[in-house]
Amino acid sequence: MVFNTGTALLDAIVLAVVSKDQEGTYGYRITQDVRGAIDISESTLYPVLRRLQKDGCLEVYDMAFDGRNRRYYRITEQGRRQLNLYRGEWVNYSGKIARIFKEAQV
């Protein structure tokens, strides 16, 4: 992707991905889903997950899977509020950019 992905946009995408599953989801699946929108490495994703957890937007729990623990992430109520804020901001921001591109001379 040629556009820089800022912290807020990355947080918004991760929260949206995690919010899709009420029970939560695990890191590898989050990485794969986020990659559907932007190119991201696991080394970039895990600090985002930790920050969102620290900020109270995600809660974390472990569950056994194939004889080992798998860490799951679930969105909190605070995370849902933050995601709704991001959604509103995105609609406003992307609409303005789309108008500029539409009005541009080619």
Protein backbone atom coordinates (compact mmCIF):
# COMPACT_ATOMS: atom_id res chain seq x y z
CA MET A 1 0.00 0.00 0.00
CA VAL A 2 1.39 3.39 -0.92
CA PHE A 3 -0.44 5.27 1.86
CA ASN A 4 0.94 5.40 5.39
CA THR A 5 -1.19 3.62 7.96
CA GLY A 6 -1.34 5.71 11.11
CA THR A 7 -1.86 4.42 14.63
CA ALA A 8 -5.53 5.40 14.81
CA LEU A 9 -6.39 3.68 11.53
CA LEU A 10 -4.54 0.53 12.55
CA ASP A 11 -6.31 0.52 15.93
CA ALA A 12 -9.66 0.98 14.20
CA ILE A 13 -9.05 -1.91 11.79
CA VAL A 14 -7.93 -4.25 14.59
CA LEU A 15 -10.92 -3.35 16.76
CA ALA A 16 -13.26 -3.92 13.82
CA VAL A 17 -11.71 -7.34 13.12
CA VAL A 18 -11.84 -8.43 16.77
CA SER A 19 -15.43 -7.19 17.14
CA LYS A 20 -16.66 -9.60 14.46
CA ASP A 21 -16.57 -12.53 16.90
CA GLN A 22 -18.40 -12.15 20.20
CA GLU A 23 -16.22 -14.79 21.87
CA GLY A 24 -12.99 -13.25 20.65
CA THR A 25 -10.34 -14.34 18.22
CA TYR A 26 -6.63 -15.15 18.27
CA GLY A 27 -3.58 -13.34 16.96
CA TYR A 28 -2.90 -15.31 13.78
CA ARG A 29 -6.51 -14.98 12.63
CA ILE A 30 -6.48 -11.25 13.43
CA THR A 31 -3.32 -10.88 11.34
CA GLN A 32 -4.91 -12.69 8.39
CA ASP A 33 -8.12 -10.63 8.58
CA VAL A 34 -6.24 -7.33 8.89
CA ARG A 35 -4.12 -8.31 5.88
CA GLY A 36 -7.36 -8.30 3.89
CA ALA A 37 -7.23 -4.50 4.18
CA ILE A 38 -3.58 -3.59 4.72
CA ASP A 39 -0.21 -5.29 4.66
CA ILE A 40 0.88 -5.94 8.25
CA SER A 41 3.36 -8.22 9.95
CA GLU A 42 2.81 -10.04 13.21
CA SER A 43 5.64 -7.99 14.72
CA THR A 44 3.56 -4.87 14.03
CA LEU A 45 0.25 -6.37 15.15
CA TYR A 46 1.17 -7.64 18.61
CA PRO A 47 2.24 -4.24 19.97
CA VAL A 48 -1.10 -2.87 18.71
CA LEU A 49 -2.96 -5.65 20.54
CA ARG A 50 -1.00 -4.95 23.74
CA ARG A 51 -1.69 -1.22 23.49
CA LEU A 52 -5.41 -1.78 22.93
CA GLN A 53 -5.45 -4.13 25.92
CA LYS A 54 -3.62 -1.58 28.07
CA ASP A 55 -6.12 1.10 27.00
CA GLY A 56 -9.02 -1.12 28.08
CA CYS A 57 -10.32 -1.73 24.55
CA LEU A 58 -9.49 -5.44 24.50
CA GLU A 59 -9.51 -8.18 27.08
CA VAL A 60 -7.29 -11.23 26.80
CA TYR A 61 -7.77 -14.83 27.83
CA ASP A 62 -6.03 -18.13 27.08
CA MET A 63 -7.72 -21.32 25.96
CA ALA A 64 -6.27 -24.75 25.28
CA PHE A 65 -6.02 -25.66 21.59
CA ASP A 66 -4.30 -28.81 20.28
CA GLY A 67 -2.41 -29.33 23.52
CA ARG A 68 -1.19 -25.76 23.94
CA ASN A 69 -2.59 -22.45 25.06
CA ARG A 70 -3.86 -20.01 22.47
CA ARG A 71 -4.29 -16.35 23.43
CA TYR A 72 -7.65 -14.83 22.51
CA TYR A 73 -8.62 -11.18 22.27
CA ARG A 74 -12.16 -9.93 22.86
CA ILE A 75 -13.42 -6.37 22.45
CA THR A 76 -14.64 -4.63 25.63
CA GLU A 77 -17.47 -2.14 25.99
CA GLN A 78 -14.88 0.63 25.99
CA GLY A 79 -13.44 -0.86 22.81
CA ARG A 80 -16.88 -0.79 21.19
CA ARG A 81 -17.27 2.88 22.07
CA GLN A 82 -13.84 3.60 20.60
CA LEU A 83 -14.68 1.61 17.46
CA ASN A 84 -17.90 3.60 17.01
CA LEU A 85 -15.91 6.82 17.32
CA TYR A 86 -13.44 5.57 14.71
CA ARG A 87 -16.30 4.57 12.38
CA GLY A 88 -17.82 8.04 12.52
CA GLU A 89 -14.46 9.69 11.94
CA TRP A 90 -13.71 7.34 9.05
CA VAL A 91 -17.00 8.10 7.28
CA ASN A 92 -16.29 11.82 7.56
CA TYR A 93 -12.62 11.56 6.54
CA SER A 94 -13.04 9.11 3.67
CA GLY A 95 -15.98 11.12 2.28
CA LYS A 96 -13.85 14.26 2.12
CA ILE A 97 -11.00 12.43 0.39
CA ALA A 98 -13.41 10.78 -2.07
CA ARG A 99 -14.86 14.19 -2.98
CA ILE A 100 -11.39 15.60 -3.63
CA PHE A 101 -10.49 12.65 -5.87
CA LYS A 102 -13.83 12.90 -7.69
CA GLU A 103 -13.33 16.61 -8.37
CA ALA A 104 -9.72 16.19 -9.53
CA GLN A 105 -8.86 16.77 -13.14
CA VAL A 106 -7.44 13.70 -14.82
